[in-house]
Protein backbone atom coordinates (compact mmCIF):
# COMPACT_ATOMS: atom_id res chain seq x y z
CA UNK A 1 -0.17 0.25 0.21
CA UNK A 2 2.08 3.41 -0.64
CA UNK A 3 1.75 6.23 1.62
CA UNK A 4 -0.21 8.63 -1.12
CA UNK A 5 -3.36 5.55 -0.84
CA UNK A 6 -3.05 5.94 2.94
CA UNK A 7 -3.54 9.17 2.89
CA UNK A 8 -6.74 8.67 0.60
CA UNK A 9 -7.89 6.18 2.06
CA UNK A 10 -7.65 8.65 5.55
CA UNK A 11 -8.69 11.73 4.21
CA UNK A 12 -10.76 11.28 1.02
CA UNK A 13 -12.51 14.63 1.47
CA UNK A 14 -8.88 15.57 0.16
CA UNK A 15 -8.41 13.69 -2.37
CA UNK A 16 -8.71 16.65 -5.02
CA UNK A 17 -5.64 18.18 -3.67
CA UNK A 18 -4.01 15.17 -2.91
CA UNK A 19 -4.30 14.34 -7.24
CA UNK A 20 -2.72 17.55 -7.59
CA UNK A 21 0.00 17.58 -5.81
CA UNK A 22 0.71 13.97 -7.12
CA UNK A 23 0.37 15.16 -10.46
CA UNK A 24 3.00 18.51 -9.54
CA UNK A 25 5.49 15.96 -9.10
CA UNK A 26 5.58 13.83 -11.69
CA UNK A 27 5.43 17.12 -14.00
CA UNK A 28 8.44 18.54 -12.10
CA UNK A 29 10.49 14.95 -13.03
CA UNK A 30 8.90 15.32 -16.89
CA UNK A 31 10.39 17.97 -17.31
CA UNK A 32 13.94 17.16 -15.34
CA UNK A 33 13.89 14.00 -16.65
CA UNK A 34 12.58 15.42 -20.54
CA UNK A 35 16.40 15.37 -21.82
CA UNK A 36 18.81 13.59 -19.06
CA UNK A 37 21.99 12.58 -20.91
CA UNK A 38 23.26 8.80 -19.89
CA UNK A 39 24.85 7.33 -22.14
CA UNK A 40 23.97 7.21 -25.04
CA UNK A 41 23.75 11.00 -25.20
CA UNK A 42 23.94 11.52 -28.64
CA UNK A 43 20.99 10.25 -29.45
CA UNK A 44 18.51 12.31 -27.52
CA UNK A 45 21.07 14.56 -28.69
CA UNK A 46 19.72 14.44 -31.90
CA UNK A 47 16.63 15.62 -31.20
CA UNK A 48 17.69 19.06 -30.11
CA UNK A 49 16.98 20.93 -33.32
CA UNK A 50 13.19 19.79 -33.63
CA UNK A 51 10.83 22.28 -32.88
CA UNK A 52 7.58 21.11 -31.38
CA UNK A 53 4.74 21.33 -33.49
CA UNK A 54 2.86 23.64 -31.54
CA UNK A 55 -0.82 22.45 -29.50
CA UNK A 56 -3.91 23.31 -31.88
CA UNK A 57 -6.42 25.36 -30.82
CA UNK A 58 -10.00 24.01 -31.19
CA UNK A 59 -12.42 26.67 -30.64
CA UNK A 60 -14.89 27.70 -33.43
CA UNK A 61 -14.97 23.62 -33.56
CA UNK A 62 -17.11 22.50 -30.99
CA UNK A 63 -19.99 21.74 -33.32
CA UNK A 64 -18.21 19.71 -35.64
CA UNK A 65 -16.67 17.95 -32.39
CA UNK A 66 -20.21 17.16 -31.13
CA UNK A 67 -21.10 15.77 -33.56
CA UNK A 68 -18.55 13.41 -34.36
CA UNK A 69 -18.75 12.49 -30.56
CA UNK A 70 -22.13 11.62 -30.43
CA UNK A 71 -21.27 8.72 -32.67
CA UNK A 72 -18.22 7.53 -30.64
CA UNK A 73 -19.89 7.22 -27.76
CA UNK A 74 -22.72 4.90 -29.92
CA UNK A 75 -20.10 2.25 -29.05
CA UNK A 76 -20.58 2.31 -25.56
CA UNK A 77 -23.99 2.26 -25.91
CA UNK A 78 -24.15 -0.65 -27.68
CA UNK A 79 -21.60 -3.10 -25.86
CA UNK A 80 -21.42 -2.23 -22.25
CA UNK A 81 -22.84 -4.93 -20.34
CA UNK A 82 -25.93 -4.06 -18.02
CA UNK A 83 -24.82 -6.47 -14.67
CA UNK A 84 -21.55 -5.74 -14.84
CA UNK A 85 -21.14 -2.43 -16.17
CA UNK A 86 -17.94 -3.54 -18.63
CA UNK A 87 -17.46 -2.88 -22.10
CA UNK A 88 -16.65 -5.15 -24.88
CA UNK A 89 -13.40 -4.73 -26.47
CA UNK A 90 -15.17 -5.60 -30.07
CA UNK A 91 -18.35 -4.62 -31.27
CA UNK A 92 -20.33 -7.58 -30.59
CA UNK A 93 -17.68 -9.33 -28.58
CA UNK A 94 -17.96 -10.03 -24.93
CA UNK A 95 -14.32 -10.11 -23.85
CA UNK A 96 -11.81 -6.73 -22.66
CA UNK A 97 -8.32 -6.21 -21.39
CA UNK A 98 -6.72 -3.99 -19.01
CA UNK A 99 -6.02 -1.58 -21.71
CA UNK A 100 -9.74 -1.24 -23.05
CA UNK A 101 -11.28 -1.21 -19.76
CA UNK A 102 -9.28 2.29 -19.65
CA UNK A 103 -10.39 2.92 -22.53
CA UNK A 104 -13.97 2.86 -21.24
CA UNK A 105 -12.53 4.76 -18.46
CA UNK A 106 -11.55 7.34 -20.28
CA UNK A 107 -14.55 7.53 -23.18
CA UNK A 108 -16.97 8.36 -19.86
CA UNK A 109 -14.81 11.12 -18.68
CA UNK A 110 -14.72 12.17 -22.13
CA UNK A 111 -18.81 11.98 -23.28
CA UNK A 112 -19.58 13.70 -19.83
CA UNK A 113 -17.17 17.17 -20.38
CA UNK A 114 -18.54 16.71 -24.23
CA UNK A 115 -21.92 17.15 -22.49
CA UNK A 116 -23.32 13.53 -24.47
CA UNK A 117 -24.24 12.17 -20.54
CA UNK A 118 -24.97 13.65 -17.13
CA UNK A 119 -22.50 13.54 -14.36
CA UNK A 120 -24.76 11.67 -12.49
CA UNK A 121 -24.68 8.77 -15.45
CA UNK A 122 -20.82 9.55 -15.68
CA UNK A 123 -20.11 8.95 -12.31
CA UNK A 124 -23.09 5.63 -12.35
CA UNK A 125 -21.02 4.23 -14.74
CA UNK A 126 -17.26 4.56 -13.49
CA UNK A 127 -19.07 3.54 -10.55
CA UNK A 128 -20.36 0.08 -12.16
CA UNK A 129 -16.90 0.03 -13.70
CA UNK A 130 -15.06 0.33 -10.48
CA UNK A 131 -17.05 -2.18 -8.55
CA UNK A 132 -16.99 -5.02 -11.49
CA UNK A 133 -13.27 -4.45 -11.41
CA UNK A 134 -12.91 -5.42 -7.14
CA UNK A 135 -14.19 -8.34 -7.70
CA UNK A 136 -12.29 -9.57 -10.75
CA UNK A 137 -10.61 -13.58 -10.31
CA UNK A 138 -7.14 -12.19 -10.06
CA UNK A 139 -4.49 -14.38 -11.74
CA UNK A 140 -2.31 -16.02 -9.34
CA UNK A 141 -4.70 -13.77 -6.77
CA UNK A 142 -2.85 -10.87 -7.54
CA UNK A 143 -3.08 -9.21 -10.34
CA UNK A 144 -5.50 -8.42 -12.87
CA UNK A 145 -5.54 -11.01 -15.47
CA UNK A 146 -4.87 -10.18 -19.54
CA UNK A 147 -8.82 -11.27 -20.50
CA UNK A 148 -11.81 -11.44 -18.86
CA UNK A 149 -14.83 -12.31 -20.19
CA UNK A 150 -17.13 -9.50 -19.64
CA UNK A 151 -20.74 -10.80 -18.53
CA UNK A 152 -18.97 -13.53 -15.82
CA UNK A 153 -15.56 -11.53 -14.85
CA UNK A 154 -13.69 -14.52 -15.28
CA UNK A 155 -10.04 -14.64 -16.44
CA UNK A 156 -10.57 -16.13 -20.51
CA UNK A 157 -7.80 -16.49 -22.90
CA UNK A 158 -7.84 -14.92 -26.48
CA UNK A 159 -10.39 -16.96 -27.94
CA UNK A 160 -12.98 -15.80 -24.76
CA UNK A 161 -12.63 -19.00 -22.95
CA UNK A 162 -12.03 -19.87 -20.15
CA UNK A 163 -8.84 -20.48 -18.56
CA UNK A 164 -8.33 -21.06 -14.73
CA UNK A 165 -4.84 -20.57 -14.63
CA UNK A 166 -4.73 -16.97 -16.78
CA UNK A 167 -2.92 -16.02 -19.31
CA UNK A 168 -0.80 -13.49 -16.86
CA UNK A 169 -0.32 -9.72 -16.59
CA UNK A 170 0.39 -6.96 -18.68
CA UNK A 171 2.42 -4.08 -16.82
CA UNK A 172 1.87 -1.33 -20.06
CA UNK A 173 -2.33 -2.91 -19.32
CA UNK A 174 -1.95 -2.17 -16.22
CA UNK A 175 0.07 1.02 -16.17
CA UNK A 176 -2.88 2.53 -18.53
CA UNK A 177 -6.02 1.13 -16.66
CA UNK A 178 -3.84 3.39 -13.48
CA UNK A 179 -3.74 6.90 -15.48
CA UNK A 180 -7.83 5.98 -15.89
CA UNK A 181 -8.43 5.21 -12.24
CA UNK A 182 -6.82 8.22 -11.38
CA UNK A 183 -8.26 10.89 -14.05
CA UNK A 184 -11.69 9.02 -12.11
CA UNK A 185 -10.62 9.83 -9.18
CA UNK A 186 -10.33 13.72 -9.83
CA UNK A 187 -13.34 14.06 -12.12
CA UNK A 188 -15.38 11.53 -9.31
CA UNK A 189 -14.12 12.20 -5.67
CA UNK A 190 -17.12 10.81 -4.73
CA UNK A 191 -15.61 7.22 -5.91
CA UNK A 192 -12.57 6.94 -4.81
CA UNK A 193 -12.35 5.65 -1.39
CA UNK A 194 -14.39 2.70 -3.77
CA UNK A 195 -11.37 2.94 -6.48
CA UNK A 196 -8.33 2.58 -3.63
CA UNK A 197 -9.83 -0.21 -2.46
CA UNK A 198 -10.71 -1.93 -5.37
CA UNK A 199 -6.00 -0.90 -5.98
CA UNK A 200 -5.84 -2.24 -2.14
CA UNK A 201 -6.60 -5.76 -3.48
CA UNK A 202 -4.02 -5.71 -6.28
CA UNK A 203 -0.23 -6.95 -5.41
CA UNK A 204 0.73 -3.56 -8.03
CA UNK A 205 4.76 -4.05 -6.64
CA UNK A 206 4.69 -6.92 -8.61
CA UNK A 207 4.56 -4.66 -11.76
CA UNK A 208 7.69 -2.40 -10.92
CA UNK A 209 10.49 -3.51 -10.49
CA UNK A 210 13.83 -1.94 -9.65
CA UNK A 211 12.02 1.19 -11.74
CA UNK A 212 10.67 -1.14 -14.07
CA UNK A 213 7.77 -2.27 -15.65
CA UNK A 214 6.94 -5.80 -15.25
CA UNK A 215 5.04 -8.10 -16.84
CA UNK A 216 3.83 -12.18 -16.86
CA UNK A 217 2.95 -14.76 -19.59
CA UNK A 218 1.98 -18.17 -19.33
CA UNK A 219 3.99 -20.31 -21.29
CA UNK A 220 3.39 -24.04 -21.52
CA UNK A 221 2.51 -23.58 -18.10
CA UNK A 222 5.16 -22.01 -16.29
CA UNK A 223 4.78 -17.82 -15.95
CA UNK A 224 7.16 -16.14 -16.74
CA UNK A 225 7.90 -12.61 -15.78
CA UNK A 226 10.25 -10.41 -17.71
CA UNK A 227 11.05 -6.40 -18.72
CA UNK A 228 8.42 -4.96 -20.64
CA UNK A 229 7.76 -1.96 -22.95
CA UNK A 230 9.55 -0.26 -25.07
CA UNK A 231 10.32 3.58 -26.11
CA UNK A 232 6.98 5.25 -26.42
CA UNK A 233 4.19 3.01 -24.77
CA UNK A 234 7.02 1.87 -21.58
CA UNK A 235 7.07 5.88 -20.62
CA UNK A 236 2.99 7.02 -21.30
CA UNK A 237 3.23 3.07 -19.12
CA UNK A 238 5.16 4.31 -16.38
CA UNK A 239 3.61 7.84 -15.82
CA UNK A 240 0.31 5.74 -14.78
CA UNK A 241 2.69 3.80 -12.33
CA UNK A 242 4.34 7.17 -10.67
CA UNK A 243 0.86 8.95 -10.15
CA UNK A 244 0.16 5.94 -7.76
CA UNK A 245 3.50 6.04 -5.61
CA UNK A 246 5.73 3.66 -7.53
CA UNK A 247 9.03 4.24 -8.48
CA UNK A 248 9.32 3.57 -12.53
CA UNK A 249 11.60 6.14 -12.81
CA UNK A 250 14.45 3.32 -14.87
CA UNK A 251 11.12 3.57 -17.40
CA UNK A 252 11.23 6.99 -17.89
CA UNK A 253 14.39 7.30 -18.75
CA UNK A 254 14.39 6.62 -22.52
CA UNK A 255 18.63 6.91 -23.49
CA UNK A 256 19.84 4.23 -22.99
CA UNK A 257 17.66 2.06 -25.13
CA UNK A 258 17.90 4.59 -27.65
CA UNK A 259 18.54 4.83 -31.13
CA UNK A 260 17.43 6.80 -33.92
CA UNK A 261 16.61 6.26 -37.80
CA UNK A 262 15.68 8.66 -40.29
CA UNK A 263 12.23 7.62 -42.40
CA UNK A 264 11.54 10.04 -44.52
CA UNK A 265 14.10 12.10 -43.80
CA UNK A 266 12.96 12.27 -40.09
CA UNK A 267 15.08 11.59 -37.12
CA UNK A 268 12.76 8.26 -35.11
CA UNK A 269 12.80 7.86 -32.66
CA UNK A 270 13.33 3.58 -31.98
CA UNK A 271 13.89 0.86 -28.96
CA UNK A 272 17.39 -0.88 -29.16
CA UNK A 273 16.06 -3.75 -27.38
CA UNK A 274 14.73 -6.55 -29.20
CA UNK A 275 10.92 -7.73 -28.70
CA UNK A 276 8.89 -10.61 -28.98
CA UNK A 277 10.20 -13.65 -31.09
CA UNK A 278 13.88 -11.76 -31.44
CA UNK A 279 11.42 -8.90 -33.22
CA UNK A 280 12.74 -4.63 -33.32
CA UNK A 281 10.29 -2.87 -31.18
CA UNK A 282 8.13 -0.71 -33.20
CA UNK A 283 7.25 2.65 -33.37
CA UNK A 284 3.37 3.53 -33.75
CA UNK A 285 1.48 7.09 -33.12
CA UNK A 286 -0.69 4.78 -30.67
CA UNK A 287 1.29 5.49 -27.23
CA UNK A 288 2.22 9.68 -27.69
CA UNK A 289 -1.57 10.82 -28.99
CA UNK A 290 -3.00 9.33 -25.80
CA UNK A 291 -0.07 10.60 -23.67
CA UNK A 292 -1.15 13.91 -25.71
CA UNK A 293 -4.61 13.17 -24.94
CA UNK A 294 -4.60 11.93 -21.81
CA UNK A 295 -1.72 14.21 -19.81
CA UNK A 296 -0.82 16.76 -21.64
CA UNK A 297 2.41 16.33 -24.11
CA UNK A 298 5.75 16.25 -20.99
CA UNK A 299 9.42 17.77 -23.21
CA UNK A 300 10.22 14.83 -24.37
CA UNK A 301 7.19 12.67 -25.15
CA UNK A 302 5.95 16.50 -27.27
CA UNK A 303 9.87 15.85 -29.79
CA UNK A 304 9.10 12.05 -30.52
CA UNK A 305 4.87 12.62 -30.05
CA UNK A 306 6.22 15.47 -33.38
CA UNK A 307 8.46 12.96 -35.37
CA UNK A 308 6.90 10.53 -35.28
CA UNK A 309 3.48 12.28 -36.82
CA UNK A 310 5.84 14.49 -38.98
CA UNK A 311 7.07 10.93 -40.58
CA UNK A 312 3.63 10.05 -41.39
CA UNK A 313 2.87 13.20 -43.25
CA UNK A 314 6.05 13.12 -44.76
CA UNK A 315 5.62 9.93 -46.40
CA UNK A 316 1.76 11.24 -47.58
CA UNK A 317 4.04 14.18 -49.04
CA UNK A 318 6.54 11.43 -50.66
CA UNK A 319 4.03 9.05 -51.78
CA UNK A 320 0.40 10.65 -52.50
CA UNK A 321 -0.84 8.04 -49.78
CA UNK A 322 -2.38 9.18 -46.77
CA UNK A 323 -0.92 7.98 -43.52
CA UNK A 324 -1.91 7.59 -39.97
CA UNK A 325 -0.35 4.20 -38.35
CA UNK A 326 -0.95 2.84 -34.83
CA UNK A 327 -1.82 -0.23 -33.02
CA UNK A 328 -5.14 -1.74 -34.03
CA UNK A 329 -7.73 -4.51 -35.23
CA UNK A 330 -8.48 -5.96 -38.40
CA UNK A 331 -10.94 -7.81 -40.58
CA UNK A 332 -9.43 -10.88 -41.73
CA UNK A 333 -7.13 -12.87 -39.56
CA UNK A 334 -4.49 -12.66 -37.28
CA UNK A 335 -7.34 -9.52 -36.05
CA UNK A 336 -4.29 -7.58 -34.21
CA UNK A 337 -1.86 -5.50 -36.00
CA UNK A 338 0.69 -2.71 -35.24
CA UNK A 339 0.90 -0.49 -38.11
CA UNK A 340 4.79 1.18 -37.39
CA UNK A 341 6.88 3.83 -38.60
CA UNK A 342 9.51 1.91 -37.79
CA UNK A 343 8.81 -2.12 -37.21
CA UNK A 344 11.14 -5.26 -37.83
CA UNK A 345 13.98 -3.35 -38.81
CA UNK A 346 12.16 -1.53 -41.32
CA UNK A 347 10.18 1.78 -41.77
CA UNK A 348 5.67 1.27 -42.64
CA UNK A 349 6.23 -2.23 -41.43
CA UNK A 350 3.03 -3.94 -40.01
CA UNK A 351 3.13 -6.66 -37.78
CA UNK A 352 1.28 -9.25 -35.93
CA UNK A 353 1.82 -9.78 -31.96
CA UNK A 354 4.71 -12.53 -32.99
CA UNK A 355 6.69 -10.23 -35.21
CA UNK A 356 5.40 -11.34 -39.04
CA UNK A 357 4.80 -9.12 -42.12
CA UNK A 358 1.65 -8.45 -42.86
CA UNK A 359 1.77 -5.00 -45.10
CA UNK A 360 -0.49 -5.34 -46.95
CA UNK A 361 -3.25 -5.14 -44.25
CA UNK A 362 -1.59 -0.98 -43.33
CA UNK A 363 -4.78 1.21 -42.31
CA UNK A 364 -5.22 4.50 -42.23
CA UNK A 365 -6.37 4.60 -38.49
CA UNK A 366 -9.86 6.47 -36.99
CA UNK A 367 -7.60 6.70 -34.08
CA UNK A 368 -4.47 8.34 -35.21
CA UNK A 369 -5.83 10.51 -37.37
CA UNK A 370 -8.67 12.33 -35.06
CA UNK A 371 -5.76 11.92 -31.85
CA UNK A 372 -2.93 13.89 -34.17
CA UNK A 373 -5.88 16.82 -35.49
CA UNK A 374 -6.93 17.34 -32.08
CA UNK A 375 -3.27 17.85 -30.75
CA UNK A 376 -1.64 19.09 -34.15
CA UNK A 377 -4.83 20.48 -36.34
CA UNK A 378 -2.50 21.19 -39.08
CA UNK A 379 -3.73 20.96 -42.81
CA UNK A 380 -3.52 17.41 -43.18
CA UNK A 381 -4.58 15.90 -40.27
CA UNK A 382 -7.79 17.95 -41.44
CA UNK A 383 -6.83 15.80 -44.69
CA UNK A 384 -6.79 12.49 -42.53
CA UNK A 385 -9.89 13.10 -40.68
CA UNK A 386 -12.05 14.23 -43.73
CA UNK A 387 -11.40 10.65 -45.08
CA UNK A 388 -12.45 8.54 -42.26
CA UNK A 389 -15.88 10.84 -42.25
CA UNK A 390 -16.87 8.97 -44.74
CA UNK A 391 -16.63 5.77 -43.63
CA UNK A 392 -18.40 6.76 -40.16
CA UNK A 393 -21.71 4.41 -39.18
CA UNK A 394 -23.97 6.01 -36.72
CA UNK A 395 -25.71 3.03 -35.36
CA UNK A 396 -22.73 1.52 -34.60
CA UNK A 397 -19.84 4.10 -34.03
CA UNK A 398 -16.46 4.63 -35.81
CA UNK A 399 -14.63 1.56 -37.42
CA UNK A 400 -10.76 1.30 -37.69
CA UNK A 401 -10.50 3.27 -40.51
CA UNK A 402 -9.44 2.83 -44.15
CA UNK A 403 -7.47 -0.16 -45.97
CA UNK A 404 -4.28 1.44 -47.79
CA UNK A 405 -4.18 -1.08 -50.08
CA UNK A 406 -8.09 -0.96 -52.06
CA UNK A 407 -9.90 1.73 -50.20
CA UNK A 408 -11.56 -0.77 -48.66
CA UNK A 409 -13.40 0.30 -45.11
CA UNK A 410 -11.77 -1.65 -42.21
CA UNK A 411 -14.97 -2.58 -40.96
CA UNK A 412 -14.01 -3.26 -37.21
CA UNK A 413 -15.54 -1.38 -34.30
CA UNK A 414 -13.07 -1.19 -31.21
CA UNK A 415 -13.69 0.14 -27.48
CA UNK A 416 -10.29 1.42 -28.17
CA UNK A 417 -10.66 3.69 -31.54
CA UNK A 418 -14.12 5.03 -30.58
CA UNK A 419 -12.25 6.19 -26.70
CA UNK A 420 -10.03 7.95 -28.61
CA UNK A 421 -12.23 9.83 -31.25
CA UNK A 422 -14.17 10.93 -27.20
CA UNK A 423 -10.35 12.20 -26.01
CA UNK A 424 -9.99 13.94 -28.91
CA UNK A 425 -13.02 16.10 -29.15
CA UNK A 426 -12.77 16.50 -25.08
CA UNK A 427 -9.30 17.56 -25.62
CA UNK A 428 -10.14 20.18 -28.04
CA UNK A 429 -12.85 21.09 -26.14
CA UNK A 430 -11.55 21.14 -22.89
CA UNK A 431 -7.57 20.32 -22.29
CA UNK A 432 -6.15 17.23 -21.42
CA UNK A 433 -8.32 14.85 -19.20
CA UNK A 434 -6.33 14.46 -16.42
CA UNK A 435 -6.68 18.23 -15.58
CA UNK A 436 -10.16 18.61 -14.13
CA UNK A 437 -12.29 21.84 -15.63
CA UNK A 438 -13.58 23.21 -13.06
């Protein structure tokens, strides 16, 4: 149990003040650590000449913001289980992960900030979701499993089949969930005690070891723990753990694992560590978009976000092909892929979970388009948004995007994409979600 957690439990009436103080502490660290030089000084120095893009001014687009957000909220109206209060990760599929549960919590707060639902409905939805989290069957009676059936709260495999053993836990997913739970506490202080009781039931000390993020997988019946996260995703998830008093400073530091590759004439941050199946780690939009929308960029992620976005714009300028890459679901096997700026040792690789290349399924990502447009609002981001607006489905929400190869719709509908659209519109209207509006 952390010191901050004890304070919350003992003094619930000062939750808001404590949350602000923890945020200030993290911001202080980020501003100091953004340009730390260690053994890879020259790697970070490459980015010293990068001028971060200015953040967008969303004024004057409020009606468009609301209209687009209403479509996204439809997804959650359609896919929230009435009994447990959790939302499915994919349309009509009653399974979720902690990453996607965090997406639902973000969607609730965004919807309220945009006036799509009342504060009372938002708090009721959040309370029900938190209650469900408190009743999850935990992996090794310790931490949330990687996947759950939203109807039963039982551990499942990725095919949504019950498993008594479980899959392990994802440090990245849990880190993101901790961010979302902090956002919930800040917006609905009356839920703080319930959130803390839930979190206190998890052995989060297993998620952060010696300052690094630690995950676990069940392989051939054995539990194998491993350092989890690479440049981009790692820093984003570490922020969530640090907000709850965990020392994830090693995970925040990028210098020791950083290399720089040039893509479309733009320097791109790439992790030197190998990922699953010896596949080099990938660089994509997702962690930078979420970091900006939820926290507001720190000094380093603003620079990295700028170059990751800029490479995508330059590919469009160089090829004429609209480019907005992120992780996402697919309408065909293998049903999920990571579309990268750099991955698998090459630019613009689309990778399966196991590291195979499936570049023919590259998608102009809806969430990348809306996320980058909310953050930077350039002529190019607006071109991406105009393209994906054409494929909206008011009855189901926003699909994953448009397949680059033939222009057909990637018609998977997911919690992550629709939550990101909501967060993007909320950012445009009211700023980062971590900043409570009073």
